[in-house]
Amino acid sequence: VLQDHDTNTRTNQQIIEWISQKIMEIERKKDEYDQMLAT
């Protein structure tokens, strides 16, 4: 992220895809934490 910030090598679409992937990753972790809390 910092390298990209410094060089601006990623396109806006690539950044959007990265953000979308990060959101999905966090949602998966949230589901796991919800299961742990239920247990």
PDB file of all heavy atoms in Angstrom:
ATOM      1  N   VAL A   1       0.833  -1.200   0.000  1.00  0.00           N
ATOM      2  CA  VAL A   1       0.000   0.000   0.000  1.00  0.00           C
ATOM      3  C   VAL A   1       0.871   1.255   0.000  1.00  0.00           C
ATOM      4  O   VAL A   1       0.614   2.198  -0.754  1.00  0.00           O
ATOM      5  CB  VAL A   1      -0.947   0.000   1.225  1.00  0.00           C
ATOM      6  CG1 VAL A   1      -1.555   1.371   1.470  1.00  0.00           C
ATOM      7  CG2 VAL A   1      -2.045  -1.035   1.049  1.00  0.00           C
ATOM      8  N   LEU A   2       1.901   1.256   0.833  1.00  0.00           N
ATOM      9  CA  LEU A   2       2.767   2.434   0.908  1.00  0.00           C
ATOM     10  C   LEU A   2       3.569   2.622  -0.375  1.00  0.00           C
ATOM     11  O   LEU A   2       3.772   3.750  -0.832  1.00  0.00           O
ATOM     12  CB  LEU A   2       3.687   2.349   2.124  1.00  0.00           C
ATOM     13  CG  LEU A   2       2.964   2.461   3.474  1.00  0.00           C
ATOM     14  CD1 LEU A   2       3.946   2.242   4.617  1.00  0.00           C
ATOM     15  CD2 LEU A   2       2.240   3.783   3.614  1.00  0.00           C
ATOM     16  N   GLN A   3       4.013   1.514  -0.968  1.00  0.00           N
ATOM     17  CA  GLN A   3       4.731   1.621  -2.235  1.00  0.00           C
ATOM     18  C   GLN A   3       3.807   2.207  -3.302  1.00  0.00           C
ATOM     19  O   GLN A   3       4.197   3.084  -4.062  1.00  0.00           O
ATOM     20  CB  GLN A   3       5.258   0.256  -2.685  1.00  0.00           C
ATOM     21  CG  GLN A   3       6.023   0.342  -3.993  1.00  0.00           C
ATOM     22  CD  GLN A   3       6.551  -1.012  -4.441  1.00  0.00           C
ATOM     23  OE1 GLN A   3       6.352  -2.030  -3.794  1.00  0.00           O
ATOM     24  NE2 GLN A   3       7.233  -1.023  -5.561  1.00  0.00           N
ATOM     25  N   ASP A   4       2.567   1.735  -3.321  1.00  0.00           N
ATOM     26  CA  ASP A   4       1.611   2.276  -4.276  1.00  0.00           C
ATOM     27  C   ASP A   4       1.324   3.745  -3.989  1.00  0.00           C
ATOM     28  O   ASP A   4       1.234   4.551  -4.906  1.00  0.00           O
ATOM     29  CB  ASP A   4       0.307   1.480  -4.252  1.00  0.00           C
ATOM     30  CG  ASP A   4      -0.702   2.047  -5.218  1.00  0.00           C
ATOM     31  OD1 ASP A   4      -0.382   2.118  -6.422  1.00  0.00           O
ATOM     32  OD2 ASP A   4      -1.785   2.454  -4.772  1.00  0.00           O
ATOM     33  N   HIS A   5       1.203   4.066  -2.717  1.00  0.00           N
ATOM     34  CA  HIS A   5       0.962   5.464  -2.333  1.00  0.00           C
ATOM     35  C   HIS A   5       2.101   6.354  -2.821  1.00  0.00           C
ATOM     36  O   HIS A   5       1.879   7.471  -3.287  1.00  0.00           O
ATOM     37  CB  HIS A   5       0.828   5.555  -0.807  1.00  0.00           C
ATOM     38  CG  HIS A   5       0.602   6.934  -0.302  1.00  0.00           C
ATOM     39  ND1 HIS A   5       1.636   7.736   0.124  1.00  0.00           N
ATOM     40  CD2 HIS A   5      -0.538   7.655  -0.161  1.00  0.00           C
ATOM     41  CE1 HIS A   5       1.146   8.900   0.501  1.00  0.00           C
ATOM     42  NE2 HIS A   5      -0.171   8.883   0.354  1.00  0.00           N
ATOM     43  N   ASP A   6       3.310   5.848  -2.731  1.00  0.00           N
ATOM     44  CA  ASP A   6       4.493   6.630  -3.118  1.00  0.00           C
ATOM     45  C   ASP A   6       4.645   6.743  -4.638  1.00  0.00           C
ATOM     46  O   ASP A   6       5.153   7.741  -5.137  1.00  0.00           O
ATOM     47  CB  ASP A   6       5.764   6.007  -2.532  1.00  0.00           C
ATOM     48  CG  ASP A   6       5.790   6.082  -1.018  1.00  0.00           C
ATOM     49  OD1 ASP A   6       5.041   6.893  -0.432  1.00  0.00           O
ATOM     50  OD2 ASP A   6       6.565   5.318  -0.408  1.00  0.00           O
ATOM     51  N   THR A   7       4.225   5.702  -5.355  1.00  0.00           N
ATOM     52  CA  THR A   7       4.482   5.673  -6.805  1.00  0.00           C
ATOM     53  C   THR A   7       3.229   5.819  -7.664  1.00  0.00           C
ATOM     54  O   THR A   7       3.348   6.004  -8.873  1.00  0.00           O
ATOM     55  CB  THR A   7       5.176   4.351  -7.194  1.00  0.00           C
ATOM     56  OG1 THR A   7       4.307   3.266  -6.849  1.00  0.00           O
ATOM     57  CG2 THR A   7       6.518   4.200  -6.509  1.00  0.00           C
ATOM     58  N   ASN A   8       2.063   5.703  -7.055  1.00  0.00           N
ATOM     59  CA  ASN A   8       0.790   5.768  -7.787  1.00  0.00           C
ATOM     60  C   ASN A   8       0.754   4.809  -8.982  1.00  0.00           C
ATOM     61  O   ASN A   8       0.376   5.184 -10.086  1.00  0.00           O
ATOM     62  CB  ASN A   8       0.504   7.191  -8.271  1.00  0.00           C
ATOM     63  CG  ASN A   8       0.161   8.107  -7.132  1.00  0.00           C
ATOM     64  OD1 ASN A   8      -0.611   7.733  -6.255  1.00  0.00           O
ATOM     65  ND2 ASN A   8       0.735   9.288  -7.128  1.00  0.00           N
ATOM     66  N   THR A   9       1.151   3.550  -8.757  1.00  0.00           N
ATOM     67  CA  THR A   9       1.219   2.584  -9.851  1.00  0.00           C
ATOM     68  C   THR A   9      -0.093   1.845 -10.089  1.00  0.00           C
ATOM     69  O   THR A   9      -0.300   1.324 -11.171  1.00  0.00           O
ATOM     70  CB  THR A   9       2.323   1.545  -9.595  1.00  0.00           C
ATOM     71  OG1 THR A   9       2.127   0.976  -8.298  1.00  0.00           O
ATOM     72  CG2 THR A   9       3.693   2.177  -9.678  1.00  0.00           C
ATOM     73  N   ARG A  10      -0.964   1.795  -9.102  1.00  0.00           N
ATOM     74  CA  ARG A  10      -2.227   1.081  -9.279  1.00  0.00           C
ATOM     75  C   ARG A  10      -3.279   2.009  -9.886  1.00  0.00           C
ATOM     76  O   ARG A  10      -3.330   3.197  -9.590  1.00  0.00           O
ATOM     77  CB  ARG A  10      -2.760   0.577  -7.939  1.00  0.00           C
ATOM     78  CG  ARG A  10      -1.957  -0.553  -7.383  1.00  0.00           C
ATOM     79  CD  ARG A  10      -2.636  -1.125  -6.173  1.00  0.00           C
ATOM     80  NE  ARG A  10      -1.732  -2.027  -5.477  1.00  0.00           N
ATOM     81  CZ  ARG A  10      -2.004  -2.587  -4.328  1.00  0.00           C
ATOM     82  NH1 ARG A  10      -3.147  -2.356  -3.727  1.00  0.00           N
ATOM     83  NH2 ARG A  10      -1.146  -3.394  -3.763  1.00  0.00           N
ATOM     84  N   THR A  11      -4.123   1.385 -10.687  1.00  0.00           N
ATOM     85  CA  THR A  11      -5.243   2.138 -11.247  1.00  0.00           C
ATOM     86  C   THR A  11      -6.344   2.244 -10.196  1.00  0.00           C
ATOM     87  O   THR A  11      -6.349   1.493  -9.203  1.00  0.00           O
ATOM     88  CB  THR A  11      -5.828   1.424 -12.488  1.00  0.00           C
ATOM     89  OG1 THR A  11      -6.406   0.178 -12.061  1.00  0.00           O
ATOM     90  CG2 THR A  11      -4.765   1.192 -13.551  1.00  0.00           C
ATOM     91  N   ASN A  12      -7.265   3.135 -10.426  1.00  0.00           N
ATOM     92  CA  ASN A  12      -8.393   3.273  -9.516  1.00  0.00           C
ATOM     93  C   ASN A  12      -9.157   1.959  -9.421  1.00  0.00           C
ATOM     94  O   ASN A  12      -9.582   1.553  -8.338  1.00  0.00           O
ATOM     95  CB  ASN A  12      -9.310   4.413  -9.962  1.00  0.00           C
ATOM     96  CG  ASN A  12     -10.322   4.766  -8.918  1.00  0.00           C
ATOM     97  OD1 ASN A  12      -9.971   5.013  -7.770  1.00  0.00           O
ATOM     98  ND2 ASN A  12     -11.583   4.779  -9.297  1.00  0.00           N
ATOM     99  N   GLN A  13      -9.315   1.261 -10.547  1.00  0.00           N
ATOM    100  CA  GLN A  13     -10.025  -0.017 -10.548  1.00  0.00           C
ATOM    101  C   GLN A  13      -9.296  -1.050  -9.682  1.00  0.00           C
ATOM    102  O   GLN A  13      -9.926  -1.809  -8.948  1.00  0.00           O
ATOM    103  CB  GLN A  13     -10.208  -0.542 -11.979  1.00  0.00           C
ATOM    104  CG  GLN A  13     -11.070  -1.774 -12.067  1.00  0.00           C
ATOM    105  CD  GLN A  13     -12.472  -1.574 -11.489  1.00  0.00           C
ATOM    106  OE1 GLN A  13     -13.098  -0.546 -11.713  1.00  0.00           O
ATOM    107  NE2 GLN A  13     -12.956  -2.554 -10.748  1.00  0.00           N
ATOM    108  N   GLN A  14      -7.981  -1.081  -9.750  1.00  0.00           N
ATOM    109  CA  GLN A  14      -7.204  -2.009  -8.915  1.00  0.00           C
ATOM    110  C   GLN A  14      -7.384  -1.684  -7.432  1.00  0.00           C
ATOM    111  O   GLN A  14      -7.480  -2.589  -6.601  1.00  0.00           O
ATOM    112  CB  GLN A  14      -5.725  -1.944  -9.291  1.00  0.00           C
ATOM    113  CG  GLN A  14      -5.420  -2.577 -10.628  1.00  0.00           C
ATOM    114  CD  GLN A  14      -3.991  -2.326 -11.060  1.00  0.00           C
ATOM    115  OE1 GLN A  14      -3.468  -1.210 -10.931  1.00  0.00           O
ATOM    116  NE2 GLN A  14      -3.353  -3.359 -11.592  1.00  0.00           N
ATOM    117  N   ILE A  15      -7.436  -0.431  -7.106  1.00  0.00           N
ATOM    118  CA  ILE A  15      -7.636  -0.029  -5.709  1.00  0.00           C
ATOM    119  C   ILE A  15      -9.033  -0.421  -5.244  1.00  0.00           C
ATOM    120  O   ILE A  15      -9.211  -0.931  -4.132  1.00  0.00           O
ATOM    121  CB  ILE A  15      -7.373   1.482  -5.537  1.00  0.00           C
ATOM    122  CG1 ILE A  15      -5.897   1.783  -5.797  1.00  0.00           C
ATOM    123  CG2 ILE A  15      -7.787   1.954  -4.145  1.00  0.00           C
ATOM    124  CD1 ILE A  15      -5.562   3.253  -5.918  1.00  0.00           C
ATOM    125  N   ILE A  16     -10.026  -0.222  -6.108  1.00  0.00           N
ATOM    126  CA  ILE A  16     -11.394  -0.629  -5.780  1.00  0.00           C
ATOM    127  C   ILE A  16     -11.457  -2.133  -5.530  1.00  0.00           C
ATOM    128  O   ILE A  16     -12.082  -2.589  -4.560  1.00  0.00           O
ATOM    129  CB  ILE A  16     -12.371  -0.206  -6.909  1.00  0.00           C
ATOM    130  CG1 ILE A  16     -12.544   1.320  -6.906  1.00  0.00           C
ATOM    131  CG2 ILE A  16     -13.712  -0.920  -6.775  1.00  0.00           C
ATOM    132  CD1 ILE A  16     -13.277   1.870  -8.116  1.00  0.00           C
ATOM    133  N   GLU A  17     -10.791  -2.922  -6.355  1.00  0.00           N
ATOM    134  CA  GLU A  17     -10.768  -4.373  -6.178  1.00  0.00           C
ATOM    135  C   GLU A  17     -10.088  -4.753  -4.866  1.00  0.00           C
ATOM    136  O   GLU A  17     -10.566  -5.640  -4.149  1.00  0.00           O
ATOM    137  CB  GLU A  17     -10.060  -5.039  -7.362  1.00  0.00           C
ATOM    138  CG  GLU A  17     -10.871  -4.989  -8.642  1.00  0.00           C
ATOM    139  CD  GLU A  17     -10.095  -5.444  -9.874  1.00  0.00           C
ATOM    140  OE1 GLU A  17      -9.018  -6.058  -9.724  1.00  0.00           O
ATOM    141  OE2 GLU A  17     -10.575  -5.169 -10.990  1.00  0.00           O
ATOM    142  N   TRP A  18      -8.993  -4.081  -4.524  1.00  0.00           N
ATOM    143  CA  TRP A  18      -8.291  -4.353  -3.266  1.00  0.00           C
ATOM    144  C   TRP A  18      -9.208  -4.045  -2.085  1.00  0.00           C
ATOM    145  O   TRP A  18      -9.294  -4.835  -1.143  1.00  0.00           O
ATOM    146  CB  TRP A  18      -6.993  -3.542  -3.189  1.00  0.00           C
ATOM    147  CG  TRP A  18      -6.248  -3.805  -1.926  1.00  0.00           C
ATOM    148  CD1 TRP A  18      -5.387  -4.829  -1.692  1.00  0.00           C
ATOM    149  CD2 TRP A  18      -6.306  -3.049  -0.711  1.00  0.00           C
ATOM    150  NE1 TRP A  18      -4.896  -4.750  -0.406  1.00  0.00           N
ATOM    151  CE2 TRP A  18      -5.454  -3.669   0.211  1.00  0.00           C
ATOM    152  CE3 TRP A  18      -6.995  -1.910  -0.318  1.00  0.00           C
ATOM    153  CZ2 TRP A  18      -5.275  -3.189   1.513  1.00  0.00           C
ATOM    154  CZ3 TRP A  18      -6.817  -1.430   0.974  1.00  0.00           C
ATOM    155  CH2 TRP A  18      -5.975  -2.064   1.870  1.00  0.00           C
ATOM    156  N   ILE A  19      -9.884  -2.913  -2.125  1.00  0.00           N
ATOM    157  CA  ILE A  19     -10.789  -2.530  -1.038  1.00  0.00           C
ATOM    158  C   ILE A  19     -11.910  -3.563  -0.917  1.00  0.00           C
ATOM    159  O   ILE A  19     -12.252  -3.983   0.199  1.00  0.00           O
ATOM    160  CB  ILE A  19     -11.351  -1.110  -1.259  1.00  0.00           C
ATOM    161  CG1 ILE A  19     -10.229  -0.072  -1.132  1.00  0.00           C
ATOM    162  CG2 ILE A  19     -12.475  -0.800  -0.268  1.00  0.00           C
ATOM    163  CD1 ILE A  19     -10.627   1.327  -1.603  1.00  0.00           C
ATOM    164  N   SER A  20     -12.462  -3.990  -2.045  1.00  0.00           N
ATOM    165  CA  SER A  20     -13.533  -4.993  -2.031  1.00  0.00           C
ATOM    166  C   SER A  20     -13.050  -6.298  -1.404  1.00  0.00           C
ATOM    167  O   SER A  20     -13.766  -6.924  -0.604  1.00  0.00           O
ATOM    168  CB  SER A  20     -14.043  -5.254  -3.448  1.00  0.00           C
ATOM    169  OG  SER A  20     -14.628  -4.094  -3.974  1.00  0.00           O
ATOM    170  N   GLN A  21     -11.842  -6.724  -1.761  1.00  0.00           N
ATOM    171  CA  GLN A  21     -11.273  -7.942  -1.175  1.00  0.00           C
ATOM    172  C   GLN A  21     -11.070  -7.781   0.329  1.00  0.00           C
ATOM    173  O   GLN A  21     -11.310  -8.717   1.099  1.00  0.00           O
ATOM    174  CB  GLN A  21      -9.961  -8.297  -1.852  1.00  0.00           C
ATOM    175  CG  GLN A  21     -10.131  -8.806  -3.262  1.00  0.00           C
ATOM    176  CD  GLN A  21      -8.799  -9.013  -3.980  1.00  0.00           C
ATOM    177  OE1 GLN A  21      -7.732  -8.662  -3.482  1.00  0.00           O
ATOM    178  NE2 GLN A  21      -8.868  -9.577  -5.176  1.00  0.00           N
ATOM    179  N   LYS A  22     -10.636  -6.615   0.749  1.00  0.00           N
ATOM    180  CA  LYS A  22     -10.411  -6.353   2.173  1.00  0.00           C
ATOM    181  C   LYS A  22     -11.744  -6.419   2.927  1.00  0.00           C
ATOM    182  O   LYS A  22     -11.804  -6.972   4.024  1.00  0.00           O
ATOM    183  CB  LYS A  22      -9.741  -4.983   2.346  1.00  0.00           C
ATOM    184  CG  LYS A  22      -9.020  -4.833   3.640  1.00  0.00           C
ATOM    185  CD  LYS A  22      -7.825  -5.753   3.689  1.00  0.00           C
ATOM    186  CE  LYS A  22      -7.146  -5.673   5.011  1.00  0.00           C
ATOM    187  NZ  LYS A  22      -6.280  -6.818   5.260  1.00  0.00           N
ATOM    188  N   ILE A  23     -12.794  -5.869   2.335  1.00  0.00           N
ATOM    189  CA  ILE A  23     -14.120  -5.923   2.957  1.00  0.00           C
ATOM    190  C   ILE A  23     -14.560  -7.382   3.117  1.00  0.00           C
ATOM    191  O   ILE A  23     -15.045  -7.784   4.186  1.00  0.00           O
ATOM    192  CB  ILE A  23     -15.148  -5.111   2.137  1.00  0.00           C
ATOM    193  CG1 ILE A  23     -14.876  -3.615   2.288  1.00  0.00           C
ATOM    194  CG2 ILE A  23     -16.582  -5.454   2.552  1.00  0.00           C
ATOM    195  CD1 ILE A  23     -15.660  -2.728   1.340  1.00  0.00           C
ATOM    196  N   MET A  24     -14.387  -8.199   2.067  1.00  0.00           N
ATOM    197  CA  MET A  24     -14.773  -9.617   2.150  1.00  0.00           C
ATOM    198  C   MET A  24     -13.955 -10.343   3.224  1.00  0.00           C
ATOM    199  O   MET A  24     -14.501 -11.169   3.963  1.00  0.00           O
ATOM    200  CB  MET A  24     -14.604 -10.297   0.795  1.00  0.00           C
ATOM    201  CG  MET A  24     -15.644  -9.858  -0.214  1.00  0.00           C
ATOM    202  SD  MET A  24     -15.672 -10.799  -1.772  1.00  0.00           S
ATOM    203  CE  MET A  24     -13.992 -10.661  -2.336  1.00  0.00           C
ATOM    204  N   GLU A  25     -12.679 -10.033   3.318  1.00  0.00           N
ATOM    205  CA  GLU A  25     -11.826 -10.656   4.335  1.00  0.00           C
ATOM    206  C   GLU A  25     -12.330 -10.311   5.733  1.00  0.00           C
ATOM    207  O   GLU A  25     -12.415 -11.181   6.603  1.00  0.00           O
ATOM    208  CB  GLU A  25     -10.389 -10.164   4.146  1.00  0.00           C
ATOM    209  CG  GLU A  25      -9.421 -10.646   5.193  1.00  0.00           C
ATOM    210  CD  GLU A  25      -8.056  -9.998   5.054  1.00  0.00           C
ATOM    211  OE1 GLU A  25      -7.605  -9.763   3.913  1.00  0.00           O
ATOM    212  OE2 GLU A  25      -7.438  -9.705   6.096  1.00  0.00           O
ATOM    213  N   ILE A  26     -12.665  -9.076   5.956  1.00  0.00           N
ATOM    214  CA  ILE A  26     -13.139  -8.642   7.268  1.00  0.00           C
ATOM    215  C   ILE A  26     -14.497  -9.265   7.576  1.00  0.00           C
ATOM    216  O   ILE A  26     -14.754  -9.677   8.715  1.00  0.00           O
ATOM    217  CB  ILE A  26     -13.169  -7.098   7.351  1.00  0.00           C
ATOM    218  CG1 ILE A  26     -11.730  -6.563   7.356  1.00  0.00           C
ATOM    219  CG2 ILE A  26     -13.936  -6.616   8.581  1.00  0.00           C
ATOM    220  CD1 ILE A  26     -11.606  -5.074   7.146  1.00  0.00           C
ATOM    221  N   GLU A  27     -15.368  -9.383   6.572  1.00  0.00           N
ATOM    222  CA  GLU A  27     -16.666 -10.034   6.773  1.00  0.00           C
ATOM    223  C   GLU A  27     -16.496 -11.499   7.152  1.00  0.00           C
ATOM    224  O   GLU A  27     -17.207 -12.016   8.019  1.00  0.00           O
ATOM    225  CB  GLU A  27     -17.540  -9.885   5.531  1.00  0.00           C
ATOM    226  CG  GLU A  27     -18.089  -8.479   5.370  1.00  0.00           C
ATOM    227  CD  GLU A  27     -18.825  -8.240   4.069  1.00  0.00           C
ATOM    228  OE1 GLU A  27     -18.706  -9.058   3.121  1.00  0.00           O
ATOM    229  OE2 GLU A  27     -19.508  -7.205   3.984  1.00  0.00           O
ATOM    230  N   ARG A  28     -15.528 -12.191   6.522  1.00  0.00           N
ATOM    231  CA  ARG A  28     -15.249 -13.595   6.886  1.00  0.00           C
ATOM    232  C   ARG A  28     -14.776 -13.679   8.340  1.00  0.00           C
ATOM    233  O   ARG A  28     -15.223 -14.547   9.095  1.00  0.00           O
ATOM    234  CB  ARG A  28     -14.194 -14.199   5.964  1.00  0.00           C
ATOM    235  CG  ARG A  28     -14.730 -14.688   4.634  1.00  0.00           C
ATOM    236  CD  ARG A  28     -13.699 -15.531   3.875  1.00  0.00           C
ATOM    237  NE  ARG A  28     -12.438 -14.858   3.641  1.00  0.00           N
ATOM    238  CZ  ARG A  28     -12.176 -14.051   2.615  1.00  0.00           C
ATOM    239  NH1 ARG A  28     -13.106 -13.814   1.719  1.00  0.00           N
ATOM    240  NH2 ARG A  28     -10.993 -13.498   2.470  1.00  0.00           N
ATOM    241  N   LYS A  29     -13.885 -12.781   8.714  1.00  0.00           N
ATOM    242  CA  LYS A  29     -13.392 -12.777  10.098  1.00  0.00           C
ATOM    243  C   LYS A  29     -14.518 -12.476  11.074  1.00  0.00           C
ATOM    244  O   LYS A  29     -14.586 -13.061  12.158  1.00  0.00           O
ATOM    245  CB  LYS A  29     -12.260 -11.764  10.253  1.00  0.00           C
ATOM    246  CG  LYS A  29     -10.971 -12.207   9.612  1.00  0.00           C
ATOM    247  CD  LYS A  29      -9.889 -11.162   9.791  1.00  0.00           C
ATOM    248  CE  LYS A  29      -8.610 -11.565   9.081  1.00  0.00           C
ATOM    249  NZ  LYS A  29      -7.560 -10.560   9.228  1.00  0.00           N
ATOM    250  N   LYS A  30     -15.403 -11.559  10.698  1.00  0.00           N
ATOM    251  CA  LYS A  30     -16.539 -11.214  11.551  1.00  0.00           C
ATOM    252  C   LYS A  30     -17.414 -12.442  11.775  1.00  0.00           C
ATOM    253  O   LYS A  30     -17.837 -12.715  12.904  1.00  0.00           O
ATOM    254  CB  LYS A  30     -17.348 -10.080  10.939  1.00  0.00           C
ATOM    255  CG  LYS A  30     -18.523  -9.638  11.781  1.00  0.00           C
ATOM    256  CD  LYS A  30     -19.324  -8.572  11.064  1.00  0.00           C
ATOM    257  CE  LYS A  30     -20.545  -8.166  11.836  1.00  0.00           C
ATOM    258  NZ  LYS A  30     -21.537  -9.209  11.993  1.00  0.00           N
ATOM    259  N   ASP A  31     -17.683 -13.198  10.709  1.00  0.00           N
ATOM    260  CA  ASP A  31     -18.475 -14.430  10.836  1.00  0.00           C
ATOM    261  C   ASP A  31     -17.795 -15.414  11.789  1.00  0.00           C
ATOM    262  O   ASP A  31     -18.455 -16.036  12.631  1.00  0.00           O
ATOM    263  CB  ASP A  31     -18.697 -15.083   9.475  1.00  0.00           C
ATOM    264  CG  ASP A  31     -19.638 -14.291   8.580  1.00  0.00           C
ATOM    265  OD1 ASP A  31     -20.378 -13.423   9.088  1.00  0.00           O
ATOM    266  OD2 ASP A  31     -19.619 -14.539   7.353  1.00  0.00           O
ATOM    267  N   GLU A  32     -16.485 -15.543  11.674  1.00  0.00           N
ATOM    268  CA  GLU A  32     -15.741 -16.438  12.563  1.00  0.00           C
ATOM    269  C   GLU A  32     -15.852 -15.973  14.012  1.00  0.00           C
ATOM    270  O   GLU A  32     -16.070 -16.784  14.919  1.00  0.00           O
ATOM    271  CB  GLU A  32     -14.271 -16.505  12.148  1.00  0.00           C
ATOM    272  CG  GLU A  32     -14.032 -17.234  10.846  1.00  0.00           C
ATOM    273  CD  GLU A  32     -12.579 -17.153  10.380  1.00  0.00           C
ATOM    274  OE1 GLU A  32     -11.684 -16.820  11.201  1.00  0.00           O
ATOM    275  OE2 GLU A  32     -12.339 -17.415   9.196  1.00  0.00           O
ATOM    276  N   TYR A  33     -15.709 -14.668  14.244  1.00  0.00           N
ATOM    277  CA  TYR A  33     -15.832 -14.130  15.603  1.00  0.00           C
ATOM    278  C   TYR A  33     -17.247 -14.311  16.139  1.00  0.00           C
ATOM    279  O   TYR A  33     -17.431 -14.628  17.322  1.00  0.00           O
ATOM    280  CB  TYR A  33     -15.435 -12.658  15.646  1.00  0.00           C
ATOM    281  CG  TYR A  33     -13.935 -12.431  15.601  1.00  0.00           C
ATOM    282  CD1 TYR A  33     -13.385 -11.527  14.712  1.00  0.00           C
ATOM    283  CD2 TYR A  33     -13.080 -13.120  16.452  1.00  0.00           C
ATOM    284  CE1 TYR A  33     -12.020 -11.328  14.663  1.00  0.00           C
ATOM    285  CE2 TYR A  33     -11.722 -12.926  16.407  1.00  0.00           C
ATOM    286  CZ  TYR A  33     -11.182 -12.020  15.511  1.00  0.00           C
ATOM    287  OH  TYR A  33      -9.828 -11.819  15.465  1.00  0.00           O
ATOM    288  N   ASP A  34     -18.254 -14.139  15.288  1.00  0.00           N
ATOM    289  CA  ASP A  34     -19.636 -14.355  15.716  1.00  0.00           C
ATOM    290  C   ASP A  34     -19.837 -15.801  16.170  1.00  0.00           C
ATOM    291  O   ASP A  34     -20.497 -16.056  17.176  1.00  0.00           O
ATOM    292  CB  ASP A  34     -20.622 -14.004  14.600  1.00  0.00           C
ATOM    293  CG  ASP A  34     -20.754 -12.506  14.365  1.00  0.00           C
ATOM    294  OD1 ASP A  34     -20.330 -11.708  15.233  1.00  0.00           O
ATOM    295  OD2 ASP A  34     -21.273 -12.128  13.295  1.00  0.00           O
ATOM    296  N   GLN A  35     -19.251 -16.748  15.432  1.00  0.00           N
ATOM    297  CA  GLN A  35     -19.349 -18.162  15.816  1.00  0.00           C
ATOM    298  C   GLN A  35     -18.634 -18.422  17.144  1.00  0.00           C
ATOM    299  O   GLN A  35     -19.135 -19.150  18.000  1.00  0.00           O
ATOM    300  CB  GLN A  35     -18.775 -19.055  14.722  1.00  0.00           C
ATOM    301  CG  GLN A  35     -19.628 -19.101  13.474  1.00  0.00           C
ATOM    302  CD  GLN A  35     -18.967 -19.882  12.344  1.00  0.00           C
ATOM    303  OE1 GLN A  35     -17.862 -20.406  12.475  1.00  0.00           O
ATOM    304  NE2 GLN A  35     -19.645 -19.965  11.211  1.00  0.00           N
ATOM    305  N   MET A  36     -17.471 -17.816  17.311  1.00  0.00           N
ATOM    306  CA  MET A  36     -16.740 -17.983  18.569  1.00  0.00           C
ATOM    307  C   MET A  36     -17.535 -17.415  19.740  1.00  0.00           C
ATOM    308  O   MET A  36     -17.611 -18.030  20.812  1.00  0.00           O
ATOM    309  CB  MET A  36     -15.375 -17.290  18.490  1.00  0.00           C
ATOM    310  CG  MET A  36     -14.357 -18.009  17.648  1.00  0.00           C
ATOM    311  SD  MET A  36     -12.750 -17.208  17.799  1.00  0.00           S
ATOM    312  CE  MET A  36     -12.567 -16.513  16.180  1.00  0.00           C
ATOM    313  N   LEU A  37     -18.130 -16.234  19.539  1.00  0.00           N
ATOM    314  CA  LEU A  37     -18.933 -15.624  20.601  1.00  0.00           C
ATOM    315  C   LEU A  37     -20.138 -16.489  20.958  1.00  0.00           C
ATOM    316  O   LEU A  37     -20.474 -16.632  22.139  1.00  0.00           O
ATOM    317  CB  LEU A  37     -19.389 -14.220  20.188  1.00  0.00           C
ATOM    318  CG  LEU A  37     -18.333 -13.133  20.278  1.00  0.00           C
ATOM    319  CD1 LEU A  37     -18.842 -11.847  19.630  1.00  0.00           C
ATOM    320  CD2 LEU A  37     -17.950 -12.876  21.731  1.00  0.00           C
ATOM    321  N   ALA A  38     -20.778 -17.064  19.959  1.00  0.00           N
ATOM    322  CA  ALA A  38     -21.922 -17.933  20.220  1.00  0.00           C
ATOM    323  C   ALA A  38     -21.492 -19.152  21.039  1.00  0.00           C
ATOM    324  O   ALA A  38     -22.174 -19.541  22.002  1.00  0.00           O
ATOM    325  CB  ALA A  38     -22.566 -18.370  18.909  1.00  0.00           C
ATOM    326  N   THR A  39     -20.376 -19.748  20.693  1.00  0.00           N
ATOM    327  CA  THR A  39     -19.869 -20.902  21.432  1.00  0.00           C
ATOM    328  C   THR A  39     -19.523 -20.524  22.863  1.00  0.00           C
ATOM    329  O   THR A  39     -19.900 -21.220  23.815  1.00  0.00           O
ATOM    330  CB  THR A  39     -18.634 -21.503  20.725  1.00  0.00           C
ATOM    331  OG1 THR A  39     -19.013 -21.907  19.415  1.00  0.00           O
ATOM    332  CG2 THR A  39     -18.061 -22.677  21.494  1.00  0.00           C
TER     333      THR A  39
END
